[in-house]
Amino acid sequence: MKKFKAFVAVLLCLAAVFCTAGCAANKKSALNISGAQIDYETFLYYYDRVHAFPEKYGLASDATDGQMIDAAIEQCCEYVAVNTKIVELGLTLSPSEKRSASNNLEDLWHVFSGYYEKLGVSKQTLMKIQTADTSRNRLFYYIYDEGGEKAVNEDDIKKYYNENYISFRAITGYLTTTDANGNTVVMTADQKAEMNKEFTELSTRLRNGQTMNEIVELYSKKHPDSTVSDQLQFIKKGTDSYPDGFFENVQKLSVGSNAVIITNNYIFLIVRENPSEDEAKQYYERYRDDCLKSLRGEEFDKIVEGYAAELSVERNDRVINRAVREVDKNG
């Protein structure tokens, strides 16, 4: 009897998640996923995402409608799987997680409300999607965070953090100039040599005891149009904020040393520096969750895909094709 009551409770909770206005009839739903009705707007949202970014879902840029429909259905299955698992495990979102979902919605709606209104996806539907995404995060931390079934050792998280995040101070120069027509062009060999000489002299000044703040002042006086700062920079490996190879070159430097690094059409004066103890603690707390997701994100995705694969799917092609036409018209 207890198991039966628990099963009924799961069904009632899922009905609240997936059904609106007394649970729409099947003929108005795009999908029936193991009894959960996926309405037109929810399918429309996911199909639009796949249509806009097919590569993100493992498809070619010229994927067919059929391939994109299948990918959207997979996303809907994961949506159902996560919400189902959350209910089964008795997990609930904290007030801060609910605020995060609401804030994400407001940010999204502020920028894209016109697009989604034209497409036919309501703010209410987007709130369901944001809540589901937040629930997915909740499930991830339930499995992998401290006390979880597959909890990651804190030392492993710190090791990943230390290997993939670096801090430094830098002055950035550009090995480009402007020609007579106002176009940006690469410097001549002589101009590059002169820039390299200037940065090397600044590097020597640092080794002779001048501070980075003093070096920044010197550089700013000579290049008044430049925007430079002696503030500590903190980046993750793979960031697109700096050229390829930049992270690896800086990581090789010992703490306290400086070097001139030239890559692509940039020249950098770098001082490798660790943050203070308080700053280091703040940085780790800020990026710990990102490290955990980097370590176990792919594995978690496979787990969710496994949950989704266990679900049955009944399609309503009339509703699905309507969504495809709407995206083709407005997407």
Protein backbone atom coordinates (compact mmCIF):
# COMPACT_ATOMS: atom_id res chain seq x y z
CA MET A 1 0.00 0.00 0.00
CA LYS A 2 2.83 2.41 0.84
CA LYS A 3 4.47 1.78 -2.54
CA PHE A 4 1.14 2.34 -4.28
CA LYS A 5 0.62 5.65 -2.46
CA ALA A 6 4.13 6.75 -3.36
CA PHE A 7 3.50 5.88 -7.01
CA VAL A 8 0.23 7.87 -6.99
CA ALA A 9 2.06 10.81 -5.42
CA VAL A 10 4.63 10.75 -8.23
CA LEU A 11 1.88 10.73 -10.85
CA LEU A 12 0.09 13.66 -9.21
CA CYS A 13 3.28 15.71 -9.01
CA LEU A 14 4.11 14.97 -12.63
CA ALA A 15 0.62 15.95 -13.69
CA ALA A 16 1.19 19.33 -12.07
CA VAL A 17 4.48 19.71 -13.99
CA PHE A 18 3.38 18.59 -17.43
CA CYS A 19 -0.34 19.39 -17.68
CA THR A 20 -2.11 22.71 -17.85
CA ALA A 21 -5.81 23.59 -17.81
CA GLY A 22 -6.76 20.18 -16.46
CA CYS A 23 -4.21 18.36 -18.69
CA ALA A 24 -4.73 18.98 -22.37
CA ALA A 25 -6.24 16.20 -24.46
CA ASN A 26 -3.80 13.99 -26.40
CA LYS A 27 -4.91 15.46 -29.73
CA LYS A 28 -3.63 18.86 -28.56
CA SER A 29 -0.27 17.51 -27.34
CA ALA A 30 2.80 17.06 -29.47
CA LEU A 31 4.05 14.05 -27.52
CA ASN A 32 2.93 11.55 -24.94
CA ILE A 33 6.08 10.49 -23.09
CA SER A 34 5.29 7.63 -20.74
CA GLY A 35 2.00 9.32 -19.88
CA ALA A 36 3.38 12.85 -19.63
CA GLN A 37 1.74 15.17 -22.15
CA ILE A 38 4.21 17.51 -23.88
CA ASP A 39 2.22 20.44 -25.16
CA TYR A 40 2.73 22.26 -28.43
CA GLU A 41 4.64 25.19 -26.93
CA THR A 42 7.15 23.03 -25.08
CA PHE A 43 7.91 21.01 -28.21
CA LEU A 44 8.03 24.23 -30.22
CA TYR A 45 10.66 25.65 -27.84
CA TYR A 46 12.92 22.61 -28.08
CA TYR A 47 12.53 22.27 -31.85
CA ASP A 48 13.41 25.95 -32.24
CA ARG A 49 16.57 25.44 -30.16
CA VAL A 50 17.64 22.47 -32.28
CA HIS A 51 16.82 24.37 -35.48
CA ALA A 52 18.93 27.34 -34.33
CA PHE A 53 21.92 25.33 -33.09
CA PRO A 54 21.90 21.88 -34.74
CA GLU A 55 25.60 21.25 -34.06
CA LYS A 56 24.98 21.55 -30.32
CA TYR A 57 22.70 18.53 -30.60
CA GLY A 58 25.07 16.40 -32.65
CA LEU A 59 23.58 17.31 -36.03
CA ALA A 60 25.06 18.75 -39.19
CA SER A 61 24.31 22.39 -40.00
CA ASP A 62 22.14 21.20 -42.91
CA ALA A 63 20.20 18.63 -40.86
CA THR A 64 16.82 17.59 -42.20
CA ASP A 65 13.53 18.43 -40.49
CA GLY A 66 13.21 14.77 -39.53
CA GLN A 67 16.60 14.74 -37.83
CA MET A 68 15.80 17.94 -35.96
CA ILE A 69 12.41 16.60 -34.90
CA ASP A 70 14.09 13.49 -33.48
CA ALA A 71 16.62 15.64 -31.60
CA ALA A 72 13.82 17.84 -30.20
CA ILE A 73 11.95 14.72 -29.06
CA GLU A 74 15.10 13.56 -27.28
CA GLN A 75 15.25 16.90 -25.48
CA CYS A 76 11.61 16.54 -24.46
CA CYS A 77 12.34 13.03 -23.16
CA GLU A 78 15.20 14.39 -21.05
CA TYR A 79 12.88 17.13 -19.80
CA VAL A 80 10.40 14.48 -18.65
CA ALA A 81 13.13 12.19 -17.29
CA VAL A 82 14.68 14.88 -15.11
CA ASN A 83 11.35 16.05 -13.70
CA THR A 84 10.31 12.45 -13.07
CA LYS A 85 13.58 11.62 -11.28
CA ILE A 86 13.38 14.77 -9.17
CA VAL A 87 9.93 13.73 -7.95
CA GLU A 88 10.95 10.10 -7.40
CA LEU A 89 13.88 11.18 -5.25
CA GLY A 90 11.77 13.66 -3.29
CA LEU A 91 14.03 16.55 -4.25
CA THR A 92 12.80 20.14 -4.20
CA LEU A 93 14.32 23.38 -5.35
CA SER A 94 15.60 25.70 -2.66
CA PRO A 95 14.38 29.31 -2.50
CA SER A 96 17.68 30.45 -4.04
CA GLU A 97 17.34 27.93 -6.88
CA LYS A 98 13.79 29.11 -7.55
CA ARG A 99 15.02 32.71 -7.62
CA SER A 100 17.77 31.69 -10.02
CA ALA A 101 15.24 30.12 -12.39
CA SER A 102 13.04 33.21 -12.15
CA ASN A 103 15.97 35.57 -12.72
CA ASN A 104 17.12 33.54 -15.72
CA LEU A 105 13.62 33.78 -17.14
CA GLU A 106 13.47 37.54 -16.66
CA ASP A 107 16.86 37.97 -18.35
CA LEU A 108 15.74 35.80 -21.26
CA TRP A 109 12.39 37.51 -21.58
CA HIS A 110 13.93 40.97 -21.42
CA VAL A 111 16.04 40.24 -24.51
CA PHE A 112 13.94 37.73 -26.46
CA SER A 113 10.32 38.38 -25.51
CA GLY A 114 9.54 39.76 -28.97
CA TYR A 115 11.03 36.70 -30.64
CA TYR A 116 9.21 34.18 -28.46
CA GLU A 117 5.89 36.03 -28.63
CA LYS A 118 6.09 35.99 -32.42
CA LEU A 119 7.08 32.32 -32.39
CA GLY A 120 4.25 31.46 -30.05
CA VAL A 121 6.10 30.42 -26.89
CA SER A 122 4.64 32.02 -23.78
CA LYS A 123 6.47 33.28 -20.73
CA GLN A 124 4.70 30.58 -18.71
CA THR A 125 6.21 27.87 -20.92
CA LEU A 126 9.64 29.42 -20.66
CA MET A 127 9.28 29.37 -16.88
CA LYS A 128 8.63 25.62 -17.04
CA ILE A 129 11.76 25.20 -19.15
CA GLN A 130 13.91 27.30 -16.80
CA THR A 131 12.59 25.37 -13.80
CA ALA A 132 13.39 22.09 -15.54
CA ASP A 133 16.93 23.30 -16.28
CA THR A 134 17.37 24.28 -12.64
CA SER A 135 16.01 20.88 -11.59
CA ARG A 136 18.58 19.25 -13.85
CA ASN A 137 21.31 21.12 -11.97
CA ARG A 138 19.73 20.07 -8.68
CA LEU A 139 19.87 16.44 -9.76
CA PHE A 140 23.51 16.81 -10.85
CA TYR A 141 24.59 18.11 -7.44
CA TYR A 142 22.51 15.46 -5.68
CA ILE A 143 24.55 12.79 -7.46
CA TYR A 144 28.04 14.32 -7.53
CA ASP A 145 28.34 16.89 -4.74
CA GLU A 146 29.33 16.15 -1.16
CA GLY A 147 27.31 13.24 0.23
CA GLY A 148 26.07 12.17 -3.21
CA GLU A 149 25.99 8.65 -4.56
CA LYS A 150 28.94 9.46 -6.84
CA ALA A 151 30.39 12.36 -4.85
CA VAL A 152 33.62 13.74 -6.32
CA ASN A 153 36.53 13.99 -3.90
CA GLU A 154 37.24 17.61 -2.97
CA ASP A 155 40.95 17.08 -3.68
CA ASP A 156 40.08 16.09 -7.26
CA ILE A 157 38.02 19.27 -7.67
CA LYS A 158 40.89 21.39 -6.34
CA LYS A 159 43.35 19.60 -8.61
CA TYR A 160 41.20 20.39 -11.65
CA TYR A 161 40.86 23.99 -10.46
CA ASN A 162 44.63 24.44 -10.05
CA GLU A 163 45.32 22.93 -13.48
CA ASN A 164 42.69 24.90 -15.38
CA TYR A 165 42.60 28.36 -13.81
CA ILE A 166 45.42 30.90 -13.65
CA SER A 167 45.89 34.44 -12.38
CA PHE A 168 48.25 37.13 -13.66
CA ARG A 169 48.66 40.83 -14.37
CA ALA A 170 49.14 41.96 -17.94
CA ILE A 171 49.68 44.78 -20.38
CA THR A 172 48.31 44.01 -23.84
CA GLY A 173 49.68 45.49 -27.05
CA TYR A 174 48.54 45.02 -30.62
CA LEU A 175 50.83 44.24 -33.53
CA THR A 176 48.47 46.05 -35.87
CA THR A 177 48.13 49.65 -36.97
CA THR A 178 45.84 51.80 -39.12
CA ASP A 179 46.67 52.63 -42.73
CA ALA A 180 45.89 55.84 -44.61
CA ASN A 181 42.41 54.56 -45.46
CA GLY A 182 41.53 53.82 -41.85
CA ASN A 183 41.87 50.06 -42.25
CA THR A 184 43.49 47.87 -39.60
CA VAL A 185 46.64 46.27 -41.00
CA VAL A 186 49.46 44.15 -39.57
CA MET A 187 52.57 46.11 -38.55
CA THR A 188 55.72 45.94 -40.62
CA ALA A 189 58.63 43.87 -39.34
CA ASP A 190 60.39 47.05 -38.12
CA GLN A 191 57.28 48.22 -36.27
CA LYS A 192 56.90 44.83 -34.60
CA ALA A 193 60.56 44.89 -33.57
CA GLU A 194 60.09 48.33 -32.02
CA MET A 195 57.04 47.15 -30.07
CA ASN A 196 58.92 44.06 -28.89
CA LYS A 197 61.82 46.24 -27.76
CA GLU A 198 59.47 48.47 -25.74
CA PHE A 199 57.82 45.51 -23.98
CA THR A 200 61.21 43.90 -23.29
CA GLU A 201 62.40 47.12 -21.65
CA LEU A 202 59.27 47.18 -19.46
CA SER A 203 59.96 43.55 -18.51
CA THR A 204 63.50 44.51 -17.48
CA ARG A 205 62.15 47.35 -15.33
CA LEU A 206 59.93 44.85 -13.51
CA ARG A 207 62.87 42.54 -12.84
CA ASN A 208 64.81 45.54 -11.52
CA GLY A 209 62.19 46.21 -8.86
CA GLN A 210 59.55 48.49 -10.35
CA THR A 211 55.93 47.58 -9.61
CA MET A 212 53.31 46.67 -12.15
CA ASN A 213 51.39 49.80 -11.21
CA GLU A 214 54.42 51.93 -12.12
CA ILE A 215 54.86 50.06 -15.40
CA VAL A 216 51.20 50.61 -16.27
CA GLU A 217 51.61 54.35 -15.64
CA LEU A 218 54.66 54.48 -17.92
CA TYR A 219 52.87 52.60 -20.69
CA SER A 220 49.73 54.73 -20.39
CA LYS A 221 51.70 57.96 -20.74
CA LYS A 222 53.33 56.72 -23.94
CA HIS A 223 50.09 55.21 -25.28
CA PRO A 224 47.31 57.52 -23.98
CA ASP A 225 44.68 55.85 -26.18
CA SER A 226 45.31 52.41 -24.68
CA THR A 227 43.21 50.91 -21.90
CA VAL A 228 45.47 49.11 -19.44
CA SER A 229 45.20 48.14 -15.80
CA ASP A 230 47.34 46.50 -13.16
CA GLN A 231 44.38 44.54 -11.81
CA LEU A 232 44.77 40.81 -11.29
CA GLN A 233 43.30 38.81 -14.19
CA PHE A 234 41.78 35.38 -13.65
CA ILE A 235 40.92 33.07 -16.55
CA LYS A 236 40.01 29.47 -17.32
CA LYS A 237 41.80 27.29 -19.84
CA GLY A 238 40.05 27.44 -23.20
CA THR A 239 38.65 30.93 -22.76
CA ASP A 240 38.09 32.85 -26.00
CA SER A 241 39.06 36.12 -24.29
CA TYR A 242 42.70 35.51 -25.21
CA PRO A 243 44.41 34.01 -28.30
CA ASP A 244 45.05 30.28 -28.66
CA GLY A 245 48.08 29.16 -26.68
CA PHE A 246 47.97 32.14 -24.30
CA PHE A 247 46.86 30.11 -21.27
CA GLU A 248 49.58 27.48 -21.77
CA ASN A 249 52.29 30.12 -22.16
CA VAL A 250 51.28 31.90 -18.96
CA GLN A 251 50.88 28.65 -17.05
CA LYS A 252 54.51 27.77 -17.76
CA LEU A 253 55.72 30.86 -15.90
CA SER A 254 56.75 30.49 -12.28
CA VAL A 255 54.89 32.64 -9.76
CA GLY A 256 56.56 36.05 -9.42
CA SER A 257 58.26 35.94 -12.82
CA ASN A 258 57.38 38.02 -15.87
CA ALA A 259 57.72 37.51 -19.59
CA VAL A 260 56.91 39.04 -22.94
CA ILE A 261 54.60 36.76 -24.92
CA ILE A 262 53.84 37.23 -28.61
CA THR A 263 50.97 35.27 -30.13
CA ASN A 264 49.01 36.00 -33.31
CA ASN A 265 48.87 39.80 -33.60
CA TYR A 266 49.14 40.44 -29.87
CA ILE A 267 52.03 41.16 -27.56
CA PHE A 268 51.71 40.78 -23.80
CA LEU A 269 53.79 41.71 -20.80
CA ILE A 270 52.76 39.13 -18.21
CA VAL A 271 53.46 38.96 -14.49
CA ARG A 272 52.50 35.55 -13.07
CA GLU A 273 50.92 36.13 -9.68
CA ASN A 274 48.75 34.19 -7.28
CA PRO A 275 45.77 35.85 -5.60
CA SER A 276 45.86 36.62 -1.88
CA GLU A 277 44.61 33.94 0.51
CA ASP A 278 41.20 35.60 0.81
CA GLU A 279 40.96 36.15 -2.96
CA ALA A 280 41.99 32.54 -3.62
CA LYS A 281 39.21 31.30 -1.34
CA GLN A 282 36.66 33.51 -3.09
CA TYR A 283 37.81 32.40 -6.55
CA TYR A 284 37.60 28.73 -5.61
CA GLU A 285 34.12 29.11 -4.15
CA ARG A 286 33.01 30.97 -7.25
CA TYR A 287 34.34 28.41 -9.74
CA ARG A 288 34.04 25.17 -7.76
CA ASP A 289 30.70 24.27 -9.34
CA ASP A 290 32.12 24.87 -12.81
CA CYS A 291 35.01 22.55 -11.98
CA LEU A 292 32.63 19.86 -10.75
CA LYS A 293 30.58 20.11 -13.94
CA SER A 294 33.72 19.96 -16.07
CA LEU A 295 34.74 16.78 -14.26
CA ARG A 296 31.39 14.99 -14.36
CA GLY A 297 29.16 16.89 -16.80
CA GLU A 298 29.52 14.43 -19.68
CA GLU A 299 28.97 11.45 -17.41
CA PHE A 300 25.84 13.07 -15.99
CA ASP A 301 24.49 13.75 -19.48
CA LYS A 302 24.86 10.04 -20.24
CA ILE A 303 22.93 9.21 -17.06
CA VAL A 304 20.07 11.52 -18.05
CA GLU A 305 20.10 10.08 -21.58
CA GLY A 306 19.78 6.66 -19.97
CA TYR A 307 16.76 7.79 -17.95
CA ALA A 308 15.20 9.24 -21.12
CA ALA A 309 15.84 6.08 -23.15
CA GLU A 310 13.61 4.10 -20.77
CA LEU A 311 10.58 6.24 -21.62
CA SER A 312 8.00 5.43 -24.27
CA VAL A 313 7.07 8.04 -26.87
CA GLU A 314 3.84 8.55 -28.79
CA ARG A 315 3.95 11.25 -31.45
CA ASN A 316 1.23 13.55 -32.70
CA ASP A 317 2.68 14.42 -36.09
CA ARG A 318 -0.06 16.94 -36.83
CA VAL A 319 1.04 19.07 -33.86
CA ILE A 320 4.73 18.41 -34.49
CA ASN A 321 4.50 19.48 -38.13
CA ARG A 322 2.68 22.63 -37.08
CA ALA A 323 5.67 23.50 -34.86
CA VAL A 324 8.08 22.82 -37.72
CA ARG A 325 6.15 25.16 -40.01
CA GLU A 326 6.09 27.86 -37.34
CA VAL A 327 9.86 27.71 -36.84
CA ASP A 328 10.50 27.66 -40.60
CA LYS A 329 8.35 30.79 -40.84
CA ASN A 330 9.76 32.70 -37.86
CA GLY A 331 12.95 30.97 -36.77
